[in-house]
Amino acid sequence: MDQNDCTWNVIVYQSMSGDSQVGNGTFQMVGGTLTAQNGGMFYTSNTECTITLEDVDLIPAEENDFFLRCTGNANARGWGQTGSNGSDCLFTAISQIMEGDVIWDSISELDFYMTDGSTLTGAIVQDESYAGDGGNGYCNVYIDETSSWIVTGDSTVTALCQAGTIIDDEGSSVSIVGTDGTVYQEGDGQYTITVETYTDSANTQDASSVSAWADHQAERPEELA
């Protein structure tokens, strides 16, 4: 514990220990149950990664520190150089129920897609604790017309592209306000989403899919035997 910035259930990262190549780490899961015993559910740091979930029964830990943390780190184990060891993450939820906060920082790049009736209950929070002097990273959120975000706290995203539903945990609308002061939506609830850009449509063509991964695995039957 004293060597870690946080605790997690699933981690996608580059340890820099020489036992794996630098590249894109992938976690994909379809169906089944994934249970966390402590900390947050998903953590990614010091790597590029693709995380895709479809209809997984996610059971968070009692404290549920976060749903997804996509940030740099100051880990004592030496996962890259603090201030430049963020994660570039493509996250896609397909028919997926999610609970907990999404945490990101400015040295990371997060594209967060919700498709096919997915729901996130949580806040999306920018946390610069391990970002050093900061960077040009972002958190772009795409919500298709079938999906919804139930907001549980003030949130910050870079680009919010939403064709679905955004309400707070009491069923009220939320305010959506630009960093330049533009009010895109005046909510009657207590929470505000701060954005750099906003659109009421969502292009999800760049979201990841499990079918592509399944096709790739099918080409390697000798490794699956």
C-alpha atoms as a PDB file:
ATOM      1  CA  MET A   1       0.000   0.000   0.000  1.00  0.00           C
ATOM      2  CA  ASP A   2       2.761   2.480   0.841  1.00  0.00           C
ATOM      3  CA  GLN A   3       4.131   2.137  -2.715  1.00  0.00           C
ATOM      4  CA  ASN A   4       0.839   2.860  -4.490  1.00  0.00           C
ATOM      5  CA  ASP A   5      -1.088   6.068  -5.175  1.00  0.00           C
ATOM      6  CA  CYS A   6      -4.393   4.186  -5.111  1.00  0.00           C
ATOM      7  CA  THR A   7      -5.863   0.699  -5.059  1.00  0.00           C
ATOM      8  CA  TRP A   8      -7.713  -0.905  -7.940  1.00  0.00           C
ATOM      9  CA  ASN A   9      -9.382  -4.030  -9.260  1.00  0.00           C
ATOM     10  CA  VAL A  10      -8.092  -4.030 -12.853  1.00  0.00           C
ATOM     11  CA  ILE A  11      -4.985  -2.139 -13.976  1.00  0.00           C
ATOM     12  CA  VAL A  12      -3.672  -1.510 -17.488  1.00  0.00           C
ATOM     13  CA  TYR A  13      -0.231   0.100 -17.283  1.00  0.00           C
ATOM     14  CA  GLN A  14       3.435  -0.030 -18.259  1.00  0.00           C
ATOM     15  CA  SER A  15       5.674  -0.891 -15.315  1.00  0.00           C
ATOM     16  CA  MET A  16       8.945  -0.003 -17.106  1.00  0.00           C
ATOM     17  CA  SER A  17      10.472  -3.107 -15.501  1.00  0.00           C
ATOM     18  CA  GLY A  18      11.523  -4.604 -18.833  1.00  0.00           C
ATOM     19  CA  ASP A  19       9.124  -7.550 -18.740  1.00  0.00           C
ATOM     20  CA  SER A  20       6.741  -6.164 -21.380  1.00  0.00           C
ATOM     21  CA  GLN A  21       6.958  -4.124 -24.548  1.00  0.00           C
ATOM     22  CA  VAL A  22       5.787  -0.536 -24.735  1.00  0.00           C
ATOM     23  CA  GLY A  23       2.543  -0.448 -26.692  1.00  0.00           C
ATOM     24  CA  ASN A  24      -1.232  -0.548 -26.386  1.00  0.00           C
ATOM     25  CA  GLY A  25      -2.580  -2.635 -23.514  1.00  0.00           C
ATOM     26  CA  THR A  26      -6.039  -4.103 -24.007  1.00  0.00           C
ATOM     27  CA  PHE A  27      -8.748  -5.232 -21.605  1.00  0.00           C
ATOM     28  CA  GLN A  28     -12.032  -6.503 -23.027  1.00  0.00           C
ATOM     29  CA  MET A  29     -14.853  -8.352 -21.293  1.00  0.00           C
ATOM     30  CA  VAL A  30     -18.260  -9.511 -22.488  1.00  0.00           C
ATOM     31  CA  GLY A  31     -20.821 -10.739 -19.980  1.00  0.00           C
ATOM     32  CA  GLY A  32     -19.901 -12.386 -16.721  1.00  0.00           C
ATOM     33  CA  THR A  33     -19.253 -10.732 -13.373  1.00  0.00           C
ATOM     34  CA  LEU A  34     -16.326  -8.587 -12.264  1.00  0.00           C
ATOM     35  CA  THR A  35     -16.104  -7.945  -8.524  1.00  0.00           C
ATOM     36  CA  ALA A  36     -13.846  -5.437  -6.758  1.00  0.00           C
ATOM     37  CA  GLN A  37     -12.893  -6.089  -3.136  1.00  0.00           C
ATOM     38  CA  ASN A  38     -11.345  -2.665  -2.464  1.00  0.00           C
ATOM     39  CA  GLY A  39     -10.391   0.606  -4.124  1.00  0.00           C
ATOM     40  CA  GLY A  40     -11.537   1.526  -7.613  1.00  0.00           C
ATOM     41  CA  MET A  41     -12.621  -0.658 -10.519  1.00  0.00           C
ATOM     42  CA  PHE A  42     -10.293   0.294 -13.428  1.00  0.00           C
ATOM     43  CA  TYR A  43      -6.947   2.121 -13.320  1.00  0.00           C
ATOM     44  CA  THR A  44      -4.684   2.987 -16.228  1.00  0.00           C
ATOM     45  CA  SER A  45      -1.390   4.880 -16.090  1.00  0.00           C
ATOM     46  CA  ASN A  46       1.841   5.239 -18.093  1.00  0.00           C
ATOM     47  CA  THR A  47       0.548   3.518 -21.216  1.00  0.00           C
ATOM     48  CA  GLU A  48      -1.765   3.579 -24.200  1.00  0.00           C
ATOM     49  CA  CYS A  49      -4.760   1.321 -23.718  1.00  0.00           C
ATOM     50  CA  THR A  50      -8.121   0.177 -24.985  1.00  0.00           C
ATOM     51  CA  ILE A  51     -10.787  -0.909 -22.503  1.00  0.00           C
ATOM     52  CA  THR A  52     -14.058  -2.340 -23.813  1.00  0.00           C
ATOM     53  CA  LEU A  53     -16.921  -3.654 -21.705  1.00  0.00           C
ATOM     54  CA  GLU A  54     -20.176  -5.179 -22.881  1.00  0.00           C
ATOM     55  CA  ASP A  55     -22.972  -6.179 -20.514  1.00  0.00           C
ATOM     56  CA  VAL A  56     -20.671  -7.055 -17.623  1.00  0.00           C
ATOM     57  CA  ASP A  57     -22.121  -7.278 -14.110  1.00  0.00           C
ATOM     58  CA  LEU A  58     -19.745  -4.902 -12.310  1.00  0.00           C
ATOM     59  CA  ILE A  59     -19.780  -5.121  -8.524  1.00  0.00           C
ATOM     60  CA  PRO A  60     -17.803  -2.240  -6.962  1.00  0.00           C
ATOM     61  CA  ALA A  61     -16.002  -2.342  -3.644  1.00  0.00           C
ATOM     62  CA  GLU A  62     -17.832  -0.883  -0.684  1.00  0.00           C
ATOM     63  CA  GLU A  63     -15.774   2.327  -0.772  1.00  0.00           C
ATOM     64  CA  ASN A  64     -15.829   2.465  -4.620  1.00  0.00           C
ATOM     65  CA  ASP A  65     -13.002   5.010  -4.905  1.00  0.00           C
ATOM     66  CA  PHE A  66     -13.545   5.363  -8.666  1.00  0.00           C
ATOM     67  CA  PHE A  67     -14.945   3.581 -11.680  1.00  0.00           C
ATOM     68  CA  LEU A  68     -12.070   4.563 -13.973  1.00  0.00           C
ATOM     69  CA  ARG A  69      -8.881   6.427 -13.124  1.00  0.00           C
ATOM     70  CA  CYS A  70      -6.899   7.585 -16.177  1.00  0.00           C
ATOM     71  CA  THR A  71      -3.975   9.625 -14.824  1.00  0.00           C
ATOM     72  CA  GLY A  72      -0.273   9.859 -14.275  1.00  0.00           C
ATOM     73  CA  ASN A  73       1.238   8.523 -11.079  1.00  0.00           C
ATOM     74  CA  ALA A  74       3.927   9.105  -8.480  1.00  0.00           C
ATOM     75  CA  ASN A  75       4.160   5.416  -7.702  1.00  0.00           C
ATOM     76  CA  ALA A  76       7.189   4.355  -5.687  1.00  0.00           C
ATOM     77  CA  ARG A  77       7.575   1.346  -7.989  1.00  0.00           C
ATOM     78  CA  GLY A  78       8.708   3.665 -10.787  1.00  0.00           C
ATOM     79  CA  TRP A  79       5.971   3.612 -13.426  1.00  0.00           C
ATOM     80  CA  GLY A  80       7.416   6.247 -15.738  1.00  0.00           C
ATOM     81  CA  GLN A  81       8.396   9.814 -14.904  1.00  0.00           C
ATOM     82  CA  THR A  82       5.906  11.679 -12.742  1.00  0.00           C
ATOM     83  CA  GLY A  83       4.475  14.582 -14.721  1.00  0.00           C
ATOM     84  CA  SER A  84       4.758  12.742 -18.045  1.00  0.00           C
ATOM     85  CA  ASN A  85       3.373   9.280 -17.322  1.00  0.00           C
ATOM     86  CA  GLY A  86      -0.308   9.656 -18.048  1.00  0.00           C
ATOM     87  CA  SER A  87      -2.486   7.225 -19.975  1.00  0.00           C
ATOM     88  CA  ASP A  88      -3.980   7.537 -23.448  1.00  0.00           C
ATOM     89  CA  CYS A  89      -7.183   5.533 -23.075  1.00  0.00           C
ATOM     90  CA  LEU A  90      -9.958   4.567 -25.462  1.00  0.00           C
ATOM     91  CA  PHE A  91     -12.814   3.381 -23.249  1.00  0.00           C
ATOM     92  CA  THR A  92     -16.045   1.973 -24.664  1.00  0.00           C
ATOM     93  CA  ALA A  93     -19.127   0.820 -22.769  1.00  0.00           C
ATOM     94  CA  ILE A  94     -21.652  -1.285 -24.713  1.00  0.00           C
ATOM     95  CA  SER A  95     -24.952  -2.063 -22.965  1.00  0.00           C
ATOM     96  CA  GLN A  96     -23.029  -1.441 -19.766  1.00  0.00           C
ATOM     97  CA  ILE A  97     -24.114  -0.260 -16.298  1.00  0.00           C
ATOM     98  CA  MET A  98     -21.314   1.641 -14.519  1.00  0.00           C
ATOM     99  CA  GLU A  99     -21.098   3.148 -11.056  1.00  0.00           C
ATOM    100  CA  GLY A 100     -18.400   5.444  -9.688  1.00  0.00           C
ATOM    101  CA  ASP A 101     -16.371   8.494 -10.671  1.00  0.00           C
ATOM    102  CA  VAL A 102     -14.195   8.842 -13.760  1.00  0.00           C
ATOM    103  CA  ILE A 103     -10.912  10.607 -12.891  1.00  0.00           C
ATOM    104  CA  TRP A 104      -8.543  12.099 -15.468  1.00  0.00           C
ATOM    105  CA  ASP A 105      -5.689  14.592 -15.716  1.00  0.00           C
ATOM    106  CA  SER A 106      -4.123  16.901 -18.273  1.00  0.00           C
ATOM    107  CA  ILE A 107      -1.195  14.573 -19.078  1.00  0.00           C
ATOM    108  CA  SER A 108      -3.659  11.877 -20.154  1.00  0.00           C
ATOM    109  CA  GLU A 109      -6.004  11.498 -23.101  1.00  0.00           C
ATOM    110  CA  LEU A 110      -9.335   9.828 -22.449  1.00  0.00           C
ATOM    111  CA  ASP A 111     -12.034   9.140 -25.019  1.00  0.00           C
ATOM    112  CA  PHE A 112     -15.011   7.774 -23.104  1.00  0.00           C
ATOM    113  CA  TYR A 113     -17.843   6.266 -25.172  1.00  0.00           C
ATOM    114  CA  MET A 114     -21.236   5.135 -23.895  1.00  0.00           C
ATOM    115  CA  THR A 115     -23.290   3.158 -26.432  1.00  0.00           C
ATOM    116  CA  ASP A 116     -26.230   0.762 -26.756  1.00  0.00           C
ATOM    117  CA  GLY A 117     -28.094   1.645 -23.584  1.00  0.00           C
ATOM    118  CA  SER A 118     -25.127   2.198 -21.272  1.00  0.00           C
ATOM    119  CA  THR A 119     -25.412   4.193 -18.038  1.00  0.00           C
ATOM    120  CA  LEU A 120     -22.764   5.877 -15.902  1.00  0.00           C
ATOM    121  CA  THR A 121     -23.711   6.957 -12.384  1.00  0.00           C
ATOM    122  CA  GLY A 122     -20.923   9.184 -11.099  1.00  0.00           C
ATOM    123  CA  ALA A 123     -18.970  12.393 -11.627  1.00  0.00           C
ATOM    124  CA  ILE A 124     -16.180  13.014 -14.135  1.00  0.00           C
ATOM    125  CA  VAL A 125     -13.389  14.753 -12.239  1.00  0.00           C
ATOM    126  CA  GLN A 126     -10.153  16.387 -13.347  1.00  0.00           C
ATOM    127  CA  ASP A 127      -7.456  15.634 -10.757  1.00  0.00           C
ATOM    128  CA  GLU A 128      -4.000  17.113 -11.353  1.00  0.00           C
ATOM    129  CA  SER A 129      -2.340  15.456  -8.332  1.00  0.00           C
ATOM    130  CA  TYR A 130       0.170  13.524 -10.463  1.00  0.00           C
ATOM    131  CA  ALA A 131       0.257  15.735 -13.558  1.00  0.00           C
ATOM    132  CA  GLY A 132       3.315  17.806 -12.632  1.00  0.00           C
ATOM    133  CA  ASP A 133       3.243  21.019 -14.646  1.00  0.00           C
ATOM    134  CA  GLY A 134       0.288  19.725 -16.626  1.00  0.00           C
ATOM    135  CA  GLY A 135      -0.121  19.112 -20.320  1.00  0.00           C
ATOM    136  CA  ASN A 136      -2.495  19.267 -23.259  1.00  0.00           C
ATOM    137  CA  GLY A 137      -4.474  16.169 -22.398  1.00  0.00           C
ATOM    138  CA  TYR A 138      -8.247  15.858 -22.492  1.00  0.00           C
ATOM    139  CA  CYS A 139     -11.337  13.903 -21.520  1.00  0.00           C
ATOM    140  CA  ASN A 140     -13.871  13.665 -24.331  1.00  0.00           C
ATOM    141  CA  VAL A 141     -17.221  12.060 -23.511  1.00  0.00           C
ATOM    142  CA  TYR A 142     -19.583  10.611 -26.119  1.00  0.00           C
ATOM    143  CA  ILE A 143     -23.107   9.539 -25.124  1.00  0.00           C
ATOM    144  CA  ASP A 144     -25.254   8.009 -27.853  1.00  0.00           C
ATOM    145  CA  GLU A 145     -29.028   8.480 -28.039  1.00  0.00           C
ATOM    146  CA  THR A 146     -29.725   5.280 -26.079  1.00  0.00           C
ATOM    147  CA  SER A 147     -27.343   5.965 -23.184  1.00  0.00           C
ATOM    148  CA  SER A 148     -27.360   8.138 -20.081  1.00  0.00           C
ATOM    149  CA  TRP A 149     -25.125   9.827 -17.545  1.00  0.00           C
ATOM    150  CA  ILE A 150     -26.492  10.212 -14.012  1.00  0.00           C
ATOM    151  CA  VAL A 151     -24.335  12.956 -12.515  1.00  0.00           C
ATOM    152  CA  THR A 152     -23.451  12.725  -8.820  1.00  0.00           C
ATOM    153  CA  GLY A 153     -21.135  15.741  -8.516  1.00  0.00           C
ATOM    154  CA  ASP A 154     -19.716  18.756 -10.332  1.00  0.00           C
ATOM    155  CA  SER A 155     -17.805  17.513 -13.361  1.00  0.00           C
ATOM    156  CA  THR A 156     -15.208  18.688 -15.871  1.00  0.00           C
ATOM    157  CA  VAL A 157     -14.798  17.347 -19.407  1.00  0.00           C
ATOM    158  CA  THR A 158     -13.082  18.700 -22.485  1.00  0.00           C
ATOM    159  CA  ALA A 159     -15.624  17.871 -25.168  1.00  0.00           C
ATOM    160  CA  LEU A 160     -19.109  16.677 -24.281  1.00  0.00           C
ATOM    161  CA  CYS A 161     -20.921  15.097 -27.209  1.00  0.00           C
ATOM    162  CA  GLN A 162     -24.280  13.856 -26.024  1.00  0.00           C
ATOM    163  CA  ALA A 163     -27.325  12.664 -27.855  1.00  0.00           C
ATOM    164  CA  GLY A 164     -28.639  10.777 -24.838  1.00  0.00           C
ATOM    165  CA  THR A 165     -29.779  11.756 -21.365  1.00  0.00           C
ATOM    166  CA  ILE A 166     -27.935  13.670 -18.644  1.00  0.00           C
ATOM    167  CA  ILE A 167     -29.637  14.118 -15.278  1.00  0.00           C
ATOM    168  CA  ASP A 168     -28.513  14.210 -11.667  1.00  0.00           C
ATOM    169  CA  ASP A 169     -29.093  11.504  -9.077  1.00  0.00           C
ATOM    170  CA  GLU A 170     -32.391  13.123  -8.079  1.00  0.00           C
ATOM    171  CA  GLY A 171     -33.715  13.168 -11.626  1.00  0.00           C
ATOM    172  CA  SER A 172     -33.140  16.899 -12.175  1.00  0.00           C
ATOM    173  CA  SER A 173     -31.401  18.445 -15.156  1.00  0.00           C
ATOM    174  CA  VAL A 174     -27.826  19.659 -14.747  1.00  0.00           C
ATOM    175  CA  SER A 175     -26.194  22.857 -15.926  1.00  0.00           C
ATOM    176  CA  ILE A 176     -23.711  22.579 -18.800  1.00  0.00           C
ATOM    177  CA  VAL A 177     -21.399  25.605 -18.925  1.00  0.00           C
ATOM    178  CA  GLY A 178     -18.453  26.385 -21.168  1.00  0.00           C
ATOM    179  CA  THR A 179     -15.074  27.443 -19.845  1.00  0.00           C
ATOM    180  CA  ASP A 180     -15.723  30.725 -21.710  1.00  0.00           C
ATOM    181  CA  GLY A 181     -18.939  31.289 -19.754  1.00  0.00           C
ATOM    182  CA  THR A 182     -21.354  30.049 -22.420  1.00  0.00           C
ATOM    183  CA  VAL A 183     -24.399  28.425 -20.836  1.00  0.00           C
ATOM    184  CA  TYR A 184     -25.352  25.478 -23.034  1.00  0.00           C
ATOM    185  CA  GLN A 185     -27.976  24.221 -20.622  1.00  0.00           C
ATOM    186  CA  GLU A 186     -29.423  25.844 -17.515  1.00  0.00           C
ATOM    187  CA  GLY A 187     -30.204  23.002 -15.158  1.00  0.00           C
ATOM    188  CA  ASP A 188     -32.531  22.931 -12.201  1.00  0.00           C
ATOM    189  CA  GLY A 189     -30.356  20.524 -10.227  1.00  0.00           C
ATOM    190  CA  GLN A 190     -27.365  21.278  -8.010  1.00  0.00           C
ATOM    191  CA  TYR A 191     -24.546  20.077 -10.287  1.00  0.00           C
ATOM    192  CA  THR A 192     -22.644  21.719 -13.129  1.00  0.00           C
ATOM    193  CA  ILE A 193     -20.675  20.130 -15.962  1.00  0.00           C
ATOM    194  CA  THR A 194     -17.890  22.424 -17.177  1.00  0.00           C
ATOM    195  CA  VAL A 195     -16.862  21.876 -20.809  1.00  0.00           C
ATOM    196  CA  GLU A 196     -14.587  23.385 -23.415  1.00  0.00           C
ATOM    197  CA  THR A 197     -16.923  22.334 -26.233  1.00  0.00           C
ATOM    198  CA  TYR A 198     -20.436  20.933 -26.336  1.00  0.00           C
ATOM    199  CA  THR A 199     -22.674  19.361 -28.954  1.00  0.00           C
ATOM    200  CA  ASP A 200     -26.051  17.646 -28.719  1.00  0.00           C
ATOM    201  CA  SER A 201     -24.981  14.840 -31.047  1.00  0.00           C
ATOM    202  CA  ALA A 202     -22.496  12.012 -30.599  1.00  0.00           C
ATOM    203  CA  ASN A 203     -20.398  10.390 -33.318  1.00  0.00           C
ATOM    204  CA  THR A 204     -19.358   7.002 -31.940  1.00  0.00           C
ATOM    205  CA  GLN A 205     -17.685   5.589 -35.034  1.00  0.00           C
ATOM    206  CA  ASP A 206     -14.283   5.632 -33.319  1.00  0.00           C
ATOM    207  CA  ALA A 207     -15.496   3.626 -30.320  1.00  0.00           C
ATOM    208  CA  SER A 208     -13.861   0.232 -29.844  1.00  0.00           C
ATOM    209  CA  SER A 209     -15.796  -2.998 -30.381  1.00  0.00           C
ATOM    210  CA  VAL A 210     -15.512  -6.489 -29.008  1.00  0.00           C
ATOM    211  CA  SER A 211     -16.159  -8.025 -32.410  1.00  0.00           C
ATOM    212  CA  ALA A 212     -12.835  -6.728 -33.709  1.00  0.00           C
ATOM    213  CA  TRP A 213     -11.045  -8.358 -30.789  1.00  0.00           C
ATOM    214  CA  ALA A 214     -12.960 -11.620 -31.258  1.00  0.00           C
ATOM    215  CA  ASP A 215     -11.993 -11.693 -34.931  1.00  0.00           C
ATOM    216  CA  HIS A 216      -8.351 -11.146 -33.977  1.00  0.00           C
ATOM    217  CA  GLN A 217      -8.456 -13.990 -31.446  1.00  0.00           C
ATOM    218  CA  ALA A 218     -10.106 -16.317 -33.947  1.00  0.00           C
ATOM    219  CA  GLU A 219      -7.054 -15.937 -36.183  1.00  0.00           C
ATOM    220  CA  ARG A 220      -4.822 -17.343 -33.395  1.00  0.00           C
ATOM    221  CA  PRO A 221      -6.413 -20.711 -32.510  1.00  0.00           C
ATOM    222  CA  GLU A 222      -3.084 -22.281 -31.617  1.00  0.00           C
ATOM    223  CA  GLU A 223      -2.611 -19.742 -28.820  1.00  0.00           C
ATOM    224  CA  LEU A 224      -6.112 -20.338 -27.466  1.00  0.00           C
ATOM    225  CA  ALA A 225      -5.818 -24.145 -27.318  1.00  0.00           C
END
